[in-house]
Amino acid sequence: MARLATYDYRALGRLLRARLEDDGRGWRVCAAEIGVCASDLSRICNGQSVSAPKVIAVCDWLKLSFRAFYDPPDAAALECETPQMFHGKSTETEGQADVG
């Protein structure tokens, strides 16, 4: 099976933790400066995922590209079959009159 795209939150977390420890002002102060909350910093430092805007804000604060931690999919994953469009039929609405 082909590997899908991933994001290396652990590597980002290691860099963030080191920077926060070097900074010395405390996580809440740094979080306010970054534009996230302290619990978001904790999640990242523990290798957990957060939303893309929060990742971008943290990477901007670290002066790093957010793409530095992006691991693209294998080429085979990009070649996977495109799913067909929804055909408009549902087992939940089958047999019901059209409302219009």
N, C-alpha and C. Protein backbone atom coordinates (compact mmCIF):
# COMPACT_ATOMS: atom_id res chain seq x y z
N MET A 1 0.85 -1.18 0.00
CA MET A 1 0.00 0.00 0.00
C MET A 1 0.89 1.25 0.00
N ALA A 2 0.53 2.21 -0.78
CA ALA A 2 1.31 3.45 -0.89
C ALA A 2 1.14 4.30 0.38
N ARG A 3 2.21 5.00 0.70
CA ARG A 3 2.18 5.88 1.88
C ARG A 3 1.53 7.20 1.51
N LEU A 4 0.61 7.66 2.34
CA LEU A 4 -0.06 8.93 2.12
C LEU A 4 0.76 10.07 2.72
N ALA A 5 0.38 11.28 2.41
CA ALA A 5 1.06 12.46 2.94
C ALA A 5 0.93 12.50 4.46
N THR A 6 1.98 12.96 5.13
CA THR A 6 1.97 13.09 6.58
C THR A 6 2.62 14.42 6.97
N TYR A 7 2.52 14.73 8.25
CA TYR A 7 3.17 15.92 8.79
C TYR A 7 3.93 15.50 10.03
N ASP A 8 5.19 15.89 10.13
CA ASP A 8 6.04 15.45 11.24
C ASP A 8 5.90 16.39 12.44
N TYR A 9 4.81 16.19 13.19
CA TYR A 9 4.55 17.01 14.38
C TYR A 9 5.61 16.78 15.46
N ARG A 10 6.19 15.58 15.49
CA ARG A 10 7.22 15.30 16.51
C ARG A 10 8.46 16.16 16.29
N ALA A 11 8.92 16.27 15.05
CA ALA A 11 10.09 17.10 14.76
C ALA A 11 9.78 18.57 15.04
N LEU A 12 8.60 19.02 14.64
CA LEU A 12 8.20 20.39 14.95
C LEU A 12 8.16 20.60 16.46
N GLY A 13 7.64 19.64 17.18
CA GLY A 13 7.55 19.73 18.63
C GLY A 13 8.91 19.80 19.30
N ARG A 14 9.86 19.04 18.82
CA ARG A 14 11.21 19.09 19.40
C ARG A 14 11.84 20.47 19.23
N LEU A 15 11.70 21.04 18.04
CA LEU A 15 12.24 22.38 17.79
C LEU A 15 11.52 23.44 18.61
N LEU A 16 10.21 23.32 18.68
CA LEU A 16 9.42 24.29 19.45
C LEU A 16 9.78 24.23 20.93
N ARG A 17 9.86 23.03 21.48
CA ARG A 17 10.19 22.88 22.90
C ARG A 17 11.55 23.51 23.21
N ALA A 18 12.54 23.24 22.36
CA ALA A 18 13.88 23.81 22.57
C ALA A 18 13.83 25.34 22.52
N ARG A 19 13.09 25.88 21.58
CA ARG A 19 12.99 27.34 21.46
C ARG A 19 12.27 27.95 22.67
N LEU A 20 11.21 27.30 23.13
CA LEU A 20 10.46 27.79 24.29
C LEU A 20 11.34 27.77 25.54
N GLU A 21 12.14 26.71 25.70
CA GLU A 21 13.03 26.62 26.86
C GLU A 21 14.12 27.69 26.78
N ASP A 22 14.66 27.93 25.59
CA ASP A 22 15.67 28.97 25.41
C ASP A 22 15.10 30.37 25.64
N ASP A 23 13.85 30.54 25.25
CA ASP A 23 13.21 31.86 25.35
C ASP A 23 13.09 32.31 26.80
N GLY A 24 12.62 31.40 27.66
CA GLY A 24 12.56 31.67 29.09
C GLY A 24 11.41 32.56 29.57
N ARG A 25 10.58 33.08 28.69
CA ARG A 25 9.49 33.96 29.13
C ARG A 25 8.25 33.21 29.59
N GLY A 26 8.19 31.93 29.35
CA GLY A 26 7.01 31.14 29.71
C GLY A 26 6.14 30.87 28.50
N TRP A 27 5.45 29.76 28.55
CA TRP A 27 4.65 29.30 27.42
C TRP A 27 3.48 30.22 27.13
N ARG A 28 2.83 30.73 28.17
CA ARG A 28 1.65 31.59 27.95
C ARG A 28 2.04 32.89 27.25
N VAL A 29 3.15 33.46 27.63
CA VAL A 29 3.63 34.70 27.00
C VAL A 29 3.96 34.42 25.53
N CYS A 30 4.69 33.34 25.29
CA CYS A 30 5.06 32.99 23.91
C CYS A 30 3.82 32.65 23.09
N ALA A 31 2.89 31.92 23.69
CA ALA A 31 1.66 31.56 22.97
C ALA A 31 0.90 32.81 22.55
N ALA A 32 0.80 33.79 23.45
CA ALA A 32 0.11 35.04 23.11
C ALA A 32 0.82 35.76 21.97
N GLU A 33 2.13 35.75 21.99
CA GLU A 33 2.92 36.39 20.92
C GLU A 33 2.71 35.67 19.59
N ILE A 34 2.64 34.35 19.64
CA ILE A 34 2.47 33.53 18.43
C ILE A 34 1.06 33.65 17.88
N GLY A 35 0.08 33.76 18.77
CA GLY A 35 -1.32 33.81 18.35
C GLY A 35 -2.05 32.50 18.52
N VAL A 36 -1.56 31.68 19.44
CA VAL A 36 -2.20 30.41 19.78
C VAL A 36 -2.34 30.35 21.29
N CYS A 37 -2.91 29.30 21.82
CA CYS A 37 -2.99 29.18 23.27
C CYS A 37 -1.89 28.23 23.77
N ALA A 38 -1.62 28.29 25.05
CA ALA A 38 -0.55 27.48 25.64
C ALA A 38 -0.83 25.99 25.46
N SER A 39 -2.09 25.59 25.47
CA SER A 39 -2.40 24.17 25.27
C SER A 39 -2.06 23.72 23.85
N ASP A 40 -2.14 24.64 22.88
CA ASP A 40 -1.71 24.30 21.52
C ASP A 40 -0.21 24.04 21.49
N LEU A 41 0.55 24.87 22.19
CA LEU A 41 2.00 24.66 22.26
C LEU A 41 2.31 23.33 22.91
N SER A 42 1.58 23.00 23.95
CA SER A 42 1.77 21.72 24.64
C SER A 42 1.49 20.56 23.70
N ARG A 43 0.40 20.64 22.96
CA ARG A 43 0.05 19.58 22.01
C ARG A 43 1.18 19.38 20.99
N ILE A 44 1.65 20.49 20.42
CA ILE A 44 2.71 20.39 19.41
C ILE A 44 3.98 19.81 20.03
N CYS A 45 4.34 20.29 21.20
CA CYS A 45 5.56 19.79 21.86
C CYS A 45 5.46 18.31 22.19
N ASN A 46 4.24 17.80 22.31
CA ASN A 46 4.03 16.38 22.59
C ASN A 46 3.79 15.58 21.32
N GLY A 47 4.02 16.21 20.14
CA GLY A 47 3.90 15.50 18.88
C GLY A 47 2.49 15.30 18.39
N GLN A 48 1.53 16.02 18.97
CA GLN A 48 0.14 15.89 18.57
C GLN A 48 -0.19 16.92 17.49
N SER A 49 -1.23 16.62 16.72
CA SER A 49 -1.60 17.52 15.63
C SER A 49 -2.45 18.69 16.14
N VAL A 50 -2.34 19.80 15.44
CA VAL A 50 -3.19 20.98 15.64
C VAL A 50 -3.58 21.47 14.25
N SER A 51 -4.45 22.44 14.18
CA SER A 51 -4.93 22.94 12.90
C SER A 51 -3.81 23.58 12.09
N ALA A 52 -4.00 23.63 10.79
CA ALA A 52 -3.01 24.22 9.89
C ALA A 52 -2.68 25.67 10.23
N PRO A 53 -3.67 26.53 10.53
CA PRO A 53 -3.31 27.91 10.88
C PRO A 53 -2.40 28.01 12.11
N LYS A 54 -2.59 27.11 13.06
CA LYS A 54 -1.75 27.12 14.26
C LYS A 54 -0.33 26.65 13.94
N VAL A 55 -0.23 25.64 13.07
CA VAL A 55 1.09 25.17 12.64
C VAL A 55 1.82 26.30 11.92
N ILE A 56 1.13 27.00 11.05
CA ILE A 56 1.74 28.10 10.30
C ILE A 56 2.19 29.20 11.24
N ALA A 57 1.36 29.54 12.23
CA ALA A 57 1.72 30.58 13.20
C ALA A 57 2.97 30.19 13.98
N VAL A 58 3.04 28.95 14.42
CA VAL A 58 4.20 28.47 15.18
C VAL A 58 5.43 28.48 14.29
N CYS A 59 5.30 27.99 13.06
CA CYS A 59 6.45 27.96 12.14
C CYS A 59 6.92 29.38 11.82
N ASP A 60 5.99 30.31 11.66
CA ASP A 60 6.38 31.71 11.43
C ASP A 60 7.18 32.23 12.62
N TRP A 61 6.75 31.92 13.83
CA TRP A 61 7.45 32.36 15.04
C TRP A 61 8.84 31.74 15.12
N LEU A 62 8.94 30.49 14.69
CA LEU A 62 10.23 29.80 14.66
C LEU A 62 11.09 30.22 13.47
N LYS A 63 10.50 31.02 12.58
CA LYS A 63 11.18 31.45 11.35
C LYS A 63 11.56 30.25 10.48
N LEU A 64 10.61 29.33 10.36
CA LEU A 64 10.76 28.14 9.53
C LEU A 64 9.58 28.02 8.58
N SER A 65 9.79 27.40 7.46
CA SER A 65 8.69 27.11 6.56
C SER A 65 7.86 25.97 7.14
N PHE A 66 6.55 26.12 7.11
CA PHE A 66 5.69 25.02 7.59
C PHE A 66 5.88 23.78 6.73
N ARG A 67 6.36 23.95 5.51
CA ARG A 67 6.60 22.81 4.63
C ARG A 67 7.82 22.00 5.06
N ALA A 68 8.63 22.53 5.95
CA ALA A 68 9.82 21.81 6.40
C ALA A 68 9.47 20.48 7.06
N PHE A 69 8.25 20.36 7.56
CA PHE A 69 7.83 19.16 8.29
C PHE A 69 6.82 18.33 7.51
N TYR A 70 6.55 18.73 6.28
CA TYR A 70 5.60 18.03 5.42
C TYR A 70 6.31 16.87 4.72
N ASP A 71 5.71 15.70 4.77
CA ASP A 71 6.25 14.52 4.12
C ASP A 71 5.26 14.11 3.03
N PRO A 72 5.56 14.40 1.76
CA PRO A 72 4.60 14.14 0.69
C PRO A 72 4.33 12.65 0.50
N PRO A 73 3.24 12.34 -0.17
CA PRO A 73 2.91 10.93 -0.39
C PRO A 73 3.86 10.30 -1.40
N ASP A 74 3.88 8.97 -1.38
CA ASP A 74 4.63 8.23 -2.41
C ASP A 74 4.00 8.53 -3.76
N ALA A 75 4.77 8.41 -4.80
CA ALA A 75 4.26 8.64 -6.15
C ALA A 75 3.09 7.71 -6.45
N ALA A 76 3.14 6.49 -5.94
CA ALA A 76 2.07 5.53 -6.18
C ALA A 76 0.75 6.00 -5.56
N ALA A 77 0.83 6.71 -4.44
CA ALA A 77 -0.38 7.20 -3.80
C ALA A 77 -1.04 8.28 -4.64
N LEU A 78 -0.23 9.02 -5.39
CA LEU A 78 -0.77 10.07 -6.25
C LEU A 78 -1.48 9.51 -7.46
N GLU A 79 -1.14 8.29 -7.82
CA GLU A 79 -1.72 7.65 -9.00
C GLU A 79 -2.95 6.82 -8.68
N CYS A 80 -3.42 6.87 -7.44
CA CYS A 80 -4.58 6.04 -7.08
C CYS A 80 -5.81 6.50 -7.85
N GLU A 81 -6.74 5.61 -7.98
CA GLU A 81 -7.93 5.86 -8.77
C GLU A 81 -8.77 6.97 -8.14
N THR A 82 -9.24 7.88 -8.96
CA THR A 82 -10.10 8.96 -8.51
C THR A 82 -11.50 8.40 -8.30
N PRO A 83 -12.10 8.65 -7.13
CA PRO A 83 -13.44 8.12 -6.89
C PRO A 83 -14.45 8.76 -7.84
N GLN A 84 -15.49 8.00 -8.16
CA GLN A 84 -16.54 8.51 -9.04
C GLN A 84 -17.37 9.55 -8.30
N MET A 85 -17.95 10.44 -9.08
CA MET A 85 -18.82 11.46 -8.50
C MET A 85 -20.06 10.81 -7.89
N PHE A 86 -20.64 11.47 -6.90
CA PHE A 86 -21.87 10.99 -6.28
C PHE A 86 -22.96 10.95 -7.34
N HIS A 87 -23.66 9.85 -7.43
CA HIS A 87 -24.66 9.67 -8.49
C HIS A 87 -26.01 10.25 -8.14
N GLY A 88 -26.19 10.77 -6.93
CA GLY A 88 -27.44 11.42 -6.56
C GLY A 88 -28.47 10.48 -5.97
N LYS A 89 -28.17 9.21 -5.87
CA LYS A 89 -29.11 8.25 -5.31
C LYS A 89 -28.64 7.88 -3.92
N SER A 90 -29.56 7.69 -3.03
CA SER A 90 -29.24 7.32 -1.66
C SER A 90 -30.22 6.27 -1.19
N THR A 91 -29.74 5.34 -0.42
CA THR A 91 -30.65 4.34 0.14
C THR A 91 -31.57 4.97 1.17
N GLU A 92 -31.16 6.12 1.73
CA GLU A 92 -31.98 6.80 2.73
C GLU A 92 -33.14 7.55 2.09
N THR A 93 -32.98 8.03 0.86
CA THR A 93 -34.04 8.82 0.22
C THR A 93 -34.70 8.10 -0.93
N GLU A 94 -34.28 6.89 -1.22
CA GLU A 94 -34.83 6.14 -2.33
C GLU A 94 -36.33 5.96 -2.15
N GLY A 95 -37.06 6.24 -3.22
CA GLY A 95 -38.51 6.06 -3.18
C GLY A 95 -39.27 7.26 -2.67
N GLN A 96 -38.59 8.28 -2.12
CA GLN A 96 -39.27 9.48 -1.66
C GLN A 96 -39.50 10.40 -2.84
N ALA A 97 -40.60 11.13 -2.80
CA ALA A 97 -40.93 12.07 -3.86
C ALA A 97 -39.95 13.23 -3.86
N ASP A 98 -39.62 13.75 -5.04
CA ASP A 98 -38.76 14.93 -5.15
C ASP A 98 -39.49 16.13 -4.58
N VAL A 99 -38.77 16.92 -3.81
CA VAL A 99 -39.34 18.15 -3.27
C VAL A 99 -38.79 19.28 -4.12
N GLY A 100 -39.63 20.11 -4.66
CA GLY A 100 -39.09 21.14 -5.53
C GLY A 100 -39.94 22.29 -5.71
